[in-house]
Amino acid sequence: MTRAARALAAILVAGCAARRPPDPLSPEVRSLAAELDSAFAGPEFARAQWGVVVQSLTNGQVLYRRNAERLFMPASLQKILTGSVALARLGPDFRWRTSVLARGARHADTLTGDLFVIGRGDPSISQRVSGGGDVLASLRGWADSVKARGIRVVAGRVVGDATWFEGPVLGAGWMWDDLQDASSAPVGALQFNEGFAVLEVAPGPATGAPARVRLLPADAPLRVVSQVATAPRDSNIEDVRYTRVFYTDSVVLTGRLAAGHAPVRIEAAVTDPTRYFEDALTQALREGGVAVLGPRIPPSQTIVARGAEGTAPRSPLPDDTLFTWQSPPLRDILPFFEKPSQNQIGEAILRTLGGTLRASATVDSGRAVVRETLTGWGISDDAYVYADGSGLSRYNYVAPEAIAQVLVSIARHPDFDVFYQALPIAGVDGTIAGRLRGTAAQNNVHAKTGSIANARTLSGYVTTADGERLVFVLLCNHFTVRDRIVDRVQDHVVERLANFTRRRR
């Protein structure tokens, strides 16, 4: 039996094991339900909708339901679906591979052709995963690997082949006014630094002087126009605005920054992922002692994101595989996906599911794997609409009971602790590092957040005062109050669950 077949069989077993007849509700559970009803019934939510499930992992009992069968926009709770399916189907030891080839004749230490890189969707070639302050750290070792194969001069260029990912580089339903931001960067089979570059804006030497702008990495394919001026030192002004000329790689900075102020960092999406990878690797090679003599193609005014749709140039010259880069295992990448809620990793995972377990690395093939897995976990097709892998899309919908079933099913998987530890931990790290501190939920709750306009969500696991682990799902849609008011209710509910006891008081 193949590994994929064994994984699917385990999914079917987990889905069956999760179904238990409900136990009668004790007075303590009924009291808890009354408190939760009160929390969700505030006048500020008169026009909003709450979808909620609280379920015990110990005995399967559902302690509370509210609109559990209705569809809600999950925002980044979508990452619970994507991450759990990836762990169940690809396994915790799965690694992405990127091949580096010499295309052309070799003369002594000189390659007369191009250095050719074939990408298969590795989302981990980034500063976040490599750690430290060096944006090129993840590529520094590649120069040593090239030199170890006897090449110190590349007469041509670095050429990327990202055709393994087929189809659009953006998710279905991504909003046009988000596309300039790092969280909405295009996704490609060759992806560097999660698709964004950093603009570091520092004040000039005197009032009225232009601000100084540094692009990291320096060769990122962006055109930067700065109109930021230096304000008086005692003004303490920090007003740096960033806009994008849509469908181009032009970035415009405006505003003022007080003299002596610390530099302001802005993360800007790069519109062509393959081009970005080529330029970053070229810079890393040159700085690492490998001369790349081919001309750098200047940034263009109109961007075609060939990272997923174009065809890399082919050559009649022979290929010589120099080395194959392997990513860290999926178990080590999942925390970088779930804890900071990183969208591009989710999109890469979705396409990788399709490319690894189906015929093509497309969104549709990835969705087919997700659908097959969720069906195996006992979740009906009409309980969700799965549009993208990250939750950035407003086309996603899911029933709270479906999310609860995913959390229950993955909890029965032998590699559950990998998923559990990858989730943000209340008061400790990730997107809930600043929430629930000083409560029984701190360093207890492992949960994923979600936030897009008028959708605020939180879901995961909490251990009660009795040591009973509960699954909880909290989705709020269509609210008109500030996000922090929704957060306050979610935190109150989660803290109450952390303090819950079945013992008679």
Protein backbone atom coordinates (compact mmCIF):
# COMPACT_ATOMS: atom_id res chain seq x y z
CA MET A 1 0.00 0.00 0.00
CA THR A 2 1.39 3.40 -0.95
CA ARG A 3 1.97 6.14 1.62
CA ALA A 4 -0.89 8.19 0.10
CA ALA A 5 -3.26 5.22 0.35
CA ARG A 6 -2.26 4.61 4.00
CA ALA A 7 -2.85 8.29 4.78
CA LEU A 8 -6.31 8.20 3.21
CA ALA A 9 -7.18 5.02 5.09
CA ALA A 10 -6.18 6.67 8.37
CA ILE A 11 -8.41 9.62 7.52
CA LEU A 12 -11.42 7.37 6.99
CA VAL A 13 -10.78 5.64 10.32
CA ALA A 14 -10.45 9.00 12.09
CA GLY A 15 -13.70 10.22 10.56
CA CYS A 16 -15.57 7.15 11.79
CA ALA A 17 -13.98 7.25 15.25
CA ALA A 18 -15.09 10.85 15.78
CA ARG A 19 -18.82 10.00 15.68
CA ARG A 20 -20.33 9.32 19.12
CA PRO A 21 -23.86 9.54 20.42
CA PRO A 22 -24.40 12.66 22.54
CA ASP A 23 -24.34 12.37 26.31
CA PRO A 24 -27.06 14.07 28.40
CA LEU A 25 -26.14 17.60 29.46
CA SER A 26 -25.28 18.05 33.11
CA PRO A 27 -26.35 21.11 35.12
CA GLU A 28 -22.81 22.48 34.79
CA VAL A 29 -22.96 22.24 31.00
CA ARG A 30 -26.41 23.84 30.91
CA SER A 31 -25.11 26.68 33.08
CA LEU A 32 -22.17 27.16 30.71
CA ALA A 33 -24.54 27.26 27.71
CA ALA A 34 -26.66 29.94 29.37
CA GLU A 35 -23.56 32.09 29.96
CA LEU A 36 -22.46 31.72 26.35
CA ASP A 37 -25.93 32.61 25.10
CA SER A 38 -25.72 35.80 27.11
CA ALA A 39 -22.27 36.66 25.74
CA PHE A 40 -23.40 36.39 22.12
CA ALA A 41 -26.72 38.18 22.59
CA GLY A 42 -25.40 41.68 23.31
CA PRO A 43 -27.14 44.59 21.54
CA GLU A 44 -23.91 45.41 19.66
CA PHE A 45 -24.38 42.12 17.78
CA ALA A 46 -28.05 42.62 16.93
CA ARG A 47 -27.27 42.60 13.20
CA ALA A 48 -24.27 40.29 13.40
CA GLN A 49 -24.14 36.49 13.26
CA TRP A 50 -22.27 34.18 15.60
CA GLY A 51 -21.45 30.59 14.69
CA VAL A 52 -20.20 28.54 17.63
CA VAL A 53 -19.36 24.96 18.57
CA VAL A 54 -17.82 23.69 21.82
CA GLN A 55 -17.09 19.98 21.87
CA SER A 56 -15.19 17.63 24.17
CA LEU A 57 -12.30 15.62 22.77
CA THR A 58 -12.54 13.33 25.78
CA ASN A 59 -16.04 11.95 25.16
CA GLY A 60 -17.22 13.69 21.97
CA GLN A 61 -19.99 15.55 23.79
CA VAL A 62 -21.13 18.81 22.21
CA LEU A 63 -21.40 21.30 25.07
CA TYR A 64 -22.72 24.19 22.99
CA ARG A 65 -23.94 24.96 19.46
CA ARG A 66 -25.10 28.19 17.87
CA ASN A 67 -25.79 28.43 14.12
CA ALA A 68 -23.37 25.52 13.82
CA GLU A 69 -24.80 24.27 10.52
CA ARG A 70 -24.85 27.65 8.74
CA LEU A 71 -22.10 28.90 6.44
CA PHE A 72 -19.74 31.63 7.67
CA MET A 73 -16.77 33.42 6.16
CA PRO A 74 -13.84 31.85 8.06
CA ALA A 75 -11.04 34.30 7.16
CA SER A 76 -7.77 32.64 8.24
CA LEU A 77 -9.50 29.75 9.98
CA GLN A 78 -9.18 28.37 6.45
CA LYS A 79 -5.60 27.63 7.46
CA ILE A 80 -6.90 25.03 9.91
CA LEU A 81 -8.39 23.12 6.98
CA THR A 82 -5.33 23.55 4.77
CA GLY A 83 -2.78 22.74 7.48
CA SER A 84 -4.57 19.69 8.83
CA VAL A 85 -5.14 18.24 5.35
CA ALA A 86 -1.48 18.83 4.44
CA LEU A 87 -0.28 17.09 7.59
CA ALA A 88 -2.64 14.15 7.08
CA ARG A 89 -1.93 13.67 3.37
CA LEU A 90 1.69 14.78 2.86
CA GLY A 91 3.00 13.73 6.27
CA PRO A 92 5.17 15.65 8.72
CA ASP A 93 8.43 14.73 6.94
CA PHE A 94 7.40 16.01 3.51
CA ARG A 95 9.99 18.33 1.92
CA TRP A 96 9.88 20.60 -1.11
CA ARG A 97 12.73 20.25 -3.61
CA THR A 98 14.28 22.89 -5.87
CA SER A 99 16.76 21.78 -8.55
CA VAL A 100 19.72 23.87 -9.72
CA LEU A 101 21.14 22.99 -13.12
CA ALA A 102 24.00 24.20 -15.28
CA ARG A 103 22.71 24.80 -18.79
CA GLY A 104 25.62 25.16 -21.21
CA ALA A 105 29.23 24.13 -21.69
CA ARG A 106 31.81 24.16 -18.89
CA HIS A 107 35.33 25.58 -19.36
CA ALA A 108 37.43 25.37 -16.23
CA ASP A 109 35.50 27.28 -13.57
CA THR A 110 33.23 29.05 -16.09
CA LEU A 111 29.72 28.07 -17.16
CA THR A 112 29.18 29.57 -20.59
CA GLY A 113 25.42 29.31 -20.35
CA ASP A 114 22.79 29.95 -17.66
CA LEU A 115 22.21 28.71 -14.16
CA PHE A 116 18.76 27.13 -14.37
CA VAL A 117 16.52 26.75 -11.29
CA ILE A 118 13.43 24.51 -11.35
CA GLY A 119 10.95 25.32 -8.59
CA ARG A 120 8.33 23.05 -7.08
CA GLY A 121 6.65 25.44 -4.69
CA ASP A 122 9.02 25.64 -1.70
CA PRO A 123 7.53 28.37 0.54
CA SER A 124 10.38 28.29 3.08
CA ILE A 125 13.07 30.22 1.18
CA SER A 126 12.54 33.31 3.29
CA GLN A 127 13.99 35.49 6.01
CA ARG A 128 11.28 34.42 8.45
CA VAL A 129 12.21 30.73 8.19
CA SER A 130 15.99 31.25 8.06
CA GLY A 131 15.88 33.73 10.97
CA GLY A 132 18.13 36.69 11.64
CA GLY A 133 18.33 40.08 9.98
CA ASP A 134 19.77 39.06 6.61
CA VAL A 135 17.04 38.94 3.96
CA LEU A 136 19.26 36.81 1.69
CA ALA A 137 20.30 34.33 4.40
CA SER A 138 18.17 31.55 2.92
CA LEU A 139 20.13 31.75 -0.35
CA ARG A 140 23.66 32.36 0.93
CA GLY A 141 24.51 28.67 1.04
CA TRP A 142 23.56 28.25 -2.61
CA ALA A 143 26.68 30.17 -3.66
CA ASP A 144 28.84 27.72 -1.69
CA SER A 145 27.05 24.79 -3.35
CA VAL A 146 27.68 26.24 -6.82
CA LYS A 147 31.36 26.84 -6.02
CA ALA A 148 31.66 23.31 -4.60
CA ARG A 149 30.65 22.05 -8.06
CA GLY A 150 33.57 23.95 -9.57
CA ILE A 151 31.71 26.98 -10.94
CA ARG A 152 32.84 30.47 -10.05
CA VAL A 153 31.73 32.31 -13.18
CA VAL A 154 28.31 32.14 -14.87
CA ALA A 155 28.55 33.81 -18.26
CA GLY A 156 24.78 33.91 -18.63
CA ARG A 157 22.02 34.60 -16.12
CA VAL A 158 20.02 32.91 -13.41
CA VAL A 159 16.89 31.61 -15.14
CA GLY A 160 13.91 30.32 -13.22
CA ASP A 161 11.41 27.66 -14.28
CA ALA A 162 8.25 28.00 -12.18
CA THR A 163 5.90 26.21 -14.54
CA TRP A 164 5.14 23.42 -12.06
CA PHE A 165 2.44 25.63 -10.53
CA GLU A 166 -0.26 26.07 -13.14
CA GLY A 167 -2.93 28.73 -13.20
CA PRO A 168 -3.36 32.16 -11.58
CA VAL A 169 -0.76 33.54 -9.17
CA LEU A 170 -3.46 35.16 -7.02
CA GLY A 171 -6.23 33.48 -5.07
CA ALA A 172 -9.83 33.56 -6.27
CA GLY A 173 -11.70 36.35 -4.50
CA TRP A 174 -8.64 38.29 -3.34
CA MET A 175 -9.55 41.98 -3.07
CA TRP A 176 -7.93 44.43 -5.48
CA ASP A 177 -7.24 46.96 -2.71
CA ASP A 178 -5.20 44.36 -0.76
CA LEU A 179 -2.87 43.46 -3.60
CA GLN A 180 -0.14 45.98 -2.76
CA ASP A 181 0.35 44.43 0.70
CA ALA A 182 2.75 41.65 1.61
CA SER A 183 -0.14 39.41 2.72
CA SER A 184 -1.50 39.43 -0.85
CA ALA A 185 1.75 38.79 -2.72
CA PRO A 186 1.47 36.52 -5.79
CA VAL A 187 2.38 32.85 -5.37
CA GLY A 188 4.75 30.95 -7.61
CA ALA A 189 6.56 27.64 -7.80
CA LEU A 190 9.69 29.75 -7.26
CA GLN A 191 8.98 31.95 -4.26
CA PHE A 192 11.43 34.16 -2.40
CA ASN A 193 10.85 35.81 0.97
CA GLU A 194 7.12 35.07 0.90
CA GLY A 195 6.76 37.33 -2.13
CA PHE A 196 7.58 40.67 -0.55
CA ALA A 197 10.51 43.08 -0.33
CA VAL A 198 11.19 45.59 2.45
CA LEU A 199 11.36 49.36 2.00
CA GLU A 200 13.34 50.90 4.85
CA VAL A 201 12.66 54.64 5.09
CA ALA A 202 14.97 56.76 7.26
CA PRO A 203 14.89 60.55 7.80
CA GLY A 204 17.37 62.76 6.00
CA PRO A 205 20.18 64.66 7.74
CA ALA A 206 18.21 67.89 8.19
CA THR A 207 14.68 69.32 8.17
CA GLY A 208 13.33 69.48 4.63
CA ALA A 209 15.84 66.98 3.25
CA PRO A 210 14.54 63.97 1.33
CA ALA A 211 14.19 60.79 3.35
CA ARG A 212 16.61 57.99 2.58
CA VAL A 213 15.10 54.80 1.21
CA ARG A 214 16.79 51.41 1.19
CA LEU A 215 15.36 48.41 -0.69
CA LEU A 216 15.93 44.98 0.84
CA PRO A 217 17.10 43.01 -1.00
CA ALA A 218 18.76 45.70 -3.09
CA ASP A 219 18.06 43.99 -6.42
CA ALA A 220 14.35 43.33 -5.82
CA PRO A 221 12.42 44.13 -9.03
CA LEU A 222 10.60 47.23 -7.77
CA ARG A 223 10.68 50.84 -8.98
CA VAL A 224 10.62 53.03 -5.86
CA VAL A 225 9.68 56.69 -6.05
CA SER A 226 10.02 58.51 -2.72
CA GLN A 227 8.46 61.86 -1.93
CA VAL A 228 9.00 61.54 1.83
CA ALA A 229 10.50 64.66 3.44
CA THR A 230 12.28 65.08 6.77
CA ALA A 231 10.24 66.90 9.43
CA PRO A 232 11.68 68.86 12.41
CA ARG A 233 13.24 66.67 15.08
CA ASP A 234 10.90 67.86 17.84
CA SER A 235 7.76 67.15 15.76
CA ASN A 236 7.98 63.37 16.32
CA ILE A 237 6.12 62.92 13.03
CA GLU A 238 5.86 59.41 11.59
CA ASP A 239 3.66 59.70 8.53
CA VAL A 240 4.94 57.50 5.73
CA ARG A 241 2.35 56.30 3.23
CA TYR A 242 2.80 53.61 0.65
CA THR A 243 0.80 53.23 -2.57
CA ARG A 244 1.12 51.05 -5.60
CA VAL A 245 0.56 51.88 -9.25
CA PHE A 246 -1.65 48.88 -9.95
CA TYR A 247 -0.50 46.28 -12.47
CA THR A 248 3.02 47.71 -12.37
CA ASP A 249 6.06 47.30 -10.16
CA SER A 250 6.12 51.01 -9.27
CA VAL A 251 5.90 51.92 -5.58
CA VAL A 252 5.31 55.51 -4.43
CA LEU A 253 6.19 56.70 -0.93
CA THR A 254 4.80 59.98 0.41
CA GLY A 255 4.63 61.78 3.75
CA ARG A 256 7.05 63.07 6.40
CA LEU A 257 9.36 61.53 8.97
CA ALA A 258 10.91 63.44 11.88
CA ALA A 259 14.68 63.89 11.96
CA GLY A 260 16.30 61.35 14.28
CA HIS A 261 13.33 58.99 14.04
CA ALA A 262 14.01 55.27 13.74
CA PRO A 263 13.65 53.89 10.20
CA VAL A 264 10.17 52.85 9.13
CA ARG A 265 9.86 49.43 7.48
CA ILE A 266 7.24 48.72 4.83
CA GLU A 267 6.64 45.29 3.32
CA ALA A 268 5.74 45.60 -0.37
CA ALA A 269 4.43 42.75 -2.53
CA VAL A 270 6.55 41.93 -5.57
CA THR A 271 4.35 41.26 -8.55
CA ASP A 272 6.50 38.70 -10.42
CA PRO A 273 7.59 35.88 -8.07
CA THR A 274 9.90 34.14 -10.54
CA ARG A 275 11.67 37.34 -11.48
CA TYR A 276 12.07 38.16 -7.79
CA PHE A 277 13.66 34.76 -7.12
CA GLU A 278 16.04 35.15 -10.08
CA ASP A 279 17.18 38.59 -8.93
CA ALA A 280 17.60 37.54 -5.28
CA LEU A 281 19.63 34.44 -6.15
CA THR A 282 21.77 36.47 -8.56
CA GLN A 283 22.55 38.96 -5.79
CA ALA A 284 23.33 36.17 -3.30
CA LEU A 285 25.63 34.44 -5.79
CA ARG A 286 27.55 37.61 -6.60
CA GLU A 287 27.98 38.47 -2.95
CA GLY A 288 29.05 34.86 -2.28
CA GLY A 289 31.87 34.88 -4.83
CA VAL A 290 30.14 33.56 -7.95
CA ALA A 291 30.29 36.08 -10.79
CA VAL A 292 27.05 36.23 -12.79
CA LEU A 293 27.91 38.14 -15.94
CA GLY A 294 24.61 38.12 -17.79
CA PRO A 295 22.73 41.42 -17.78
CA ARG A 296 20.03 42.03 -15.22
CA ILE A 297 16.70 42.73 -16.87
CA PRO A 298 15.48 46.11 -15.58
CA PRO A 299 12.08 46.30 -13.86
CA SER A 300 9.29 46.72 -16.36
CA GLN A 301 6.36 49.08 -16.18
CA THR A 302 3.77 46.40 -16.92
CA ILE A 303 4.05 43.18 -15.01
CA VAL A 304 3.13 39.75 -16.31
CA ALA A 305 3.40 37.30 -13.46
CA ARG A 306 5.08 34.55 -15.42
CA GLY A 307 5.86 32.74 -12.15
CA ALA A 308 2.95 30.38 -12.72
CA GLU A 309 1.78 30.87 -16.27
CA GLY A 310 4.82 31.54 -18.41
CA THR A 311 7.17 29.09 -19.99
CA ALA A 312 10.79 29.40 -18.97
CA PRO A 313 13.23 29.69 -21.90
CA ARG A 314 14.59 26.39 -23.11
CA SER A 315 17.97 25.72 -24.61
CA PRO A 316 19.41 23.02 -26.89
CA LEU A 317 22.45 22.89 -24.61
CA PRO A 318 22.74 19.95 -22.20
CA ASP A 319 21.64 20.20 -18.57
CA ASP A 320 23.89 19.24 -15.66
CA THR A 321 22.16 19.01 -12.30
CA LEU A 322 24.42 20.69 -9.78
CA PHE A 323 22.39 20.12 -6.63
CA THR A 324 18.86 19.86 -5.29
CA TRP A 325 17.84 22.10 -2.43
CA GLN A 326 15.51 20.53 0.13
CA SER A 327 13.22 22.55 2.37
CA PRO A 328 12.87 21.86 6.08
CA PRO A 329 10.22 19.18 6.74
CA LEU A 330 6.57 20.15 6.81
CA ARG A 331 6.53 19.73 10.61
CA ASP A 332 8.97 22.66 10.85
CA ILE A 333 7.19 24.79 8.25
CA LEU A 334 3.66 24.51 9.71
CA PRO A 335 4.44 26.88 12.64
CA PHE A 336 5.54 29.55 10.14
CA PHE A 337 2.19 29.05 8.41
CA GLU A 338 -0.21 28.91 11.36
CA LYS A 339 1.35 31.14 14.02
CA PRO A 340 1.83 34.35 11.95
CA SER A 341 -1.04 33.40 9.60
CA GLN A 342 1.16 33.48 6.51
CA ASN A 343 -0.96 33.41 3.35
CA GLN A 344 1.59 32.46 0.70
CA ILE A 345 2.52 29.25 2.52
CA GLY A 346 -1.14 28.26 2.45
CA GLU A 347 -1.41 28.86 -1.28
CA ALA A 348 1.79 26.91 -1.92
CA ILE A 349 0.51 24.01 0.20
CA LEU A 350 -2.80 23.91 -1.69
CA ARG A 351 -1.07 23.70 -5.07
CA THR A 352 1.47 21.21 -3.73
CA LEU A 353 -1.34 18.90 -2.60
CA GLY A 354 -2.59 18.88 -6.17
CA GLY A 355 0.84 18.39 -7.70
CA THR A 356 1.88 15.64 -5.30
CA LEU A 357 -1.35 13.66 -4.99
CA ARG A 358 -3.07 14.52 -8.28
CA ALA A 359 -2.05 15.08 -11.88
CA SER A 360 -1.23 18.80 -11.68
CA ALA A 361 -0.15 21.47 -9.20
CA THR A 362 -3.30 23.55 -9.65
CA VAL A 363 -5.79 25.05 -7.25
CA ASP A 364 -8.51 22.74 -8.59
CA SER A 365 -6.39 19.64 -8.00
CA GLY A 366 -5.54 20.83 -4.51
CA ARG A 367 -9.21 21.42 -3.76
CA ALA A 368 -9.95 17.85 -4.88
CA VAL A 369 -7.48 16.53 -2.30
CA VAL A 370 -9.04 18.75 0.39
CA ARG A 371 -12.54 17.58 -0.55
CA GLU A 372 -11.54 13.91 -0.48
CA THR A 373 -9.92 14.35 2.94
CA LEU A 374 -12.83 16.25 4.48
CA THR A 375 -15.25 13.65 3.13
CA GLY A 376 -13.17 10.99 4.85
CA TRP A 377 -13.55 12.95 8.08
CA GLY A 378 -17.34 12.85 7.75
CA ILE A 379 -17.83 16.41 6.48
CA SER A 380 -20.42 16.85 3.74
CA ASP A 381 -19.67 18.83 0.58
CA ASP A 382 -22.35 21.41 1.35
CA ALA A 383 -20.76 22.28 4.72
CA TYR A 384 -18.07 24.44 3.11
CA VAL A 385 -16.98 26.35 0.02
CA TYR A 386 -13.21 26.09 -0.34
CA ALA A 387 -11.79 28.84 -2.57
CA ASP A 388 -8.16 29.35 -1.51
CA GLY A 389 -5.62 27.85 0.87
CA SER A 390 -5.11 30.85 3.13
CA GLY A 391 -8.52 32.37 3.90
CA LEU A 392 -7.77 35.70 2.27
CA SER A 393 -10.56 35.09 -0.23
CA ARG A 394 -14.06 36.32 0.51
CA TYR A 395 -15.36 33.35 -1.52
CA ASN A 396 -14.64 30.93 1.34
CA TYR A 397 -17.51 29.69 3.50
CA VAL A 398 -17.60 26.99 6.14
CA ALA A 399 -20.00 25.75 8.80
CA PRO A 400 -18.72 25.90 12.40
CA GLU A 401 -19.57 22.21 12.83
CA ALA A 402 -17.29 21.40 9.88
CA ILE A 403 -14.34 23.21 11.48
CA ALA A 404 -15.06 21.40 14.75
CA GLN A 405 -15.04 18.06 12.92
CA VAL A 406 -11.68 18.90 11.32
CA LEU A 407 -10.22 19.74 14.73
CA VAL A 408 -11.61 16.53 16.22
CA SER A 409 -10.38 14.40 13.32
CA ILE A 410 -6.84 15.77 13.21
CA ALA A 411 -6.68 15.34 17.01
CA ARG A 412 -7.06 11.59 16.40
CA HIS A 413 -4.21 11.56 13.89
CA PRO A 414 -0.88 10.06 15.09
CA ASP A 415 0.93 13.30 14.18
CA PHE A 416 -1.57 15.56 15.95
CA ASP A 417 1.06 17.12 18.23
CA VAL A 418 2.76 18.62 15.15
CA PHE A 419 -0.47 20.43 14.28
CA TYR A 420 -1.24 21.35 17.90
CA GLN A 421 2.19 22.92 18.50
CA ALA A 422 2.03 24.82 15.18
CA LEU A 423 -1.03 26.78 16.30
CA PRO A 424 -0.63 30.15 18.06
CA ILE A 425 -0.52 29.86 21.86
CA ALA A 426 -2.51 32.35 23.91
CA GLY A 427 -0.33 34.94 25.63
CA VAL A 428 2.82 33.34 24.22
CA ASP A 429 3.24 33.54 20.45
CA GLY A 430 1.65 33.98 17.06
CA THR A 431 -1.42 36.10 16.46
CA ILE A 432 -2.70 35.64 20.03
CA ALA A 433 0.58 36.44 21.79
CA GLY A 434 -0.98 39.57 23.30
CA ARG A 435 -4.35 38.07 24.20
CA LEU A 436 -5.61 36.27 27.33
CA ARG A 437 -2.53 37.06 29.39
CA GLY A 438 -2.92 36.57 33.10
CA THR A 439 -5.86 34.17 32.66
CA ALA A 440 -6.31 30.43 32.84
CA ALA A 441 -6.17 30.43 29.03
CA GLN A 442 -2.57 31.72 28.86
CA ASN A 443 -0.14 29.05 27.66
CA ASN A 444 -3.14 26.74 27.52
CA VAL A 445 -5.18 27.69 24.47
CA HIS A 446 -3.78 26.67 21.07
CA ALA A 447 -5.93 28.43 18.48
CA LYS A 448 -6.03 30.03 15.05
CA THR A 449 -7.33 33.53 14.46
CA GLY A 450 -8.97 34.95 11.35
CA SER A 451 -9.63 38.53 10.36
CA ILE A 452 -10.91 40.18 7.21
CA ALA A 453 -13.44 42.98 6.90
CA ASN A 454 -16.55 42.16 8.97
CA ALA A 455 -15.32 38.66 9.79
CA ARG A 456 -13.48 37.87 13.02
CA THR A 457 -12.83 34.29 14.03
CA LEU A 458 -11.01 32.17 16.61
CA SER A 459 -10.87 28.39 16.84
CA GLY A 460 -8.74 25.68 18.40
CA TYR A 461 -8.24 23.78 21.64
CA VAL A 462 -8.55 24.67 25.33
CA THR A 463 -7.94 22.53 28.39
CA THR A 464 -10.47 22.99 31.19
CA ALA A 465 -9.87 23.17 34.94
CA ASP A 466 -10.59 19.42 35.05
CA GLY A 467 -7.92 18.67 32.44
CA GLU A 468 -10.53 17.97 29.76
CA ARG A 469 -9.53 19.17 26.30
CA LEU A 470 -12.24 20.95 24.35
CA VAL A 471 -12.51 21.99 20.72
CA PHE A 472 -14.01 25.44 20.28
CA VAL A 473 -15.10 27.31 17.15
CA LEU A 474 -16.05 31.01 17.32
CA LEU A 475 -17.01 32.80 14.10
CA CYS A 476 -18.51 36.29 13.98
CA ASN A 477 -19.66 37.72 10.64
CA HIS A 478 -21.50 40.85 9.53
CA PHE A 479 -20.67 42.93 12.61
CA THR A 480 -20.35 46.71 12.51
CA VAL A 481 -18.52 47.27 15.79
CA ARG A 482 -14.75 47.48 16.16
CA ASP A 483 -12.74 44.29 15.97
CA ARG A 484 -11.60 44.61 19.58
CA ILE A 485 -15.20 44.31 20.78
CA VAL A 486 -15.54 40.98 18.99
CA ASP A 487 -12.15 39.92 20.38
CA ARG A 488 -13.31 40.81 23.89
CA VAL A 489 -16.29 38.44 23.61
CA GLN A 490 -14.15 35.67 22.12
CA ASP A 491 -11.58 36.05 24.90
CA HIS A 492 -14.31 36.00 27.56
CA VAL A 493 -15.73 32.77 26.14
CA VAL A 494 -12.33 31.08 25.86
CA GLU A 495 -11.37 32.11 29.38
CA ARG A 496 -14.68 30.73 30.65
CA LEU A 497 -13.93 27.43 28.91
CA ALA A 498 -10.46 27.32 30.46
CA ASN A 499 -12.07 27.69 33.90
CA PHE A 500 -14.90 25.25 33.20
CA THR A 501 -15.32 22.31 35.54
CA ARG A 502 -17.83 19.48 35.60
CA ARG A 503 -17.49 19.23 39.39
CA ARG A 504 -20.46 20.38 41.42
CA ARG A 505 -19.72 23.60 43.25
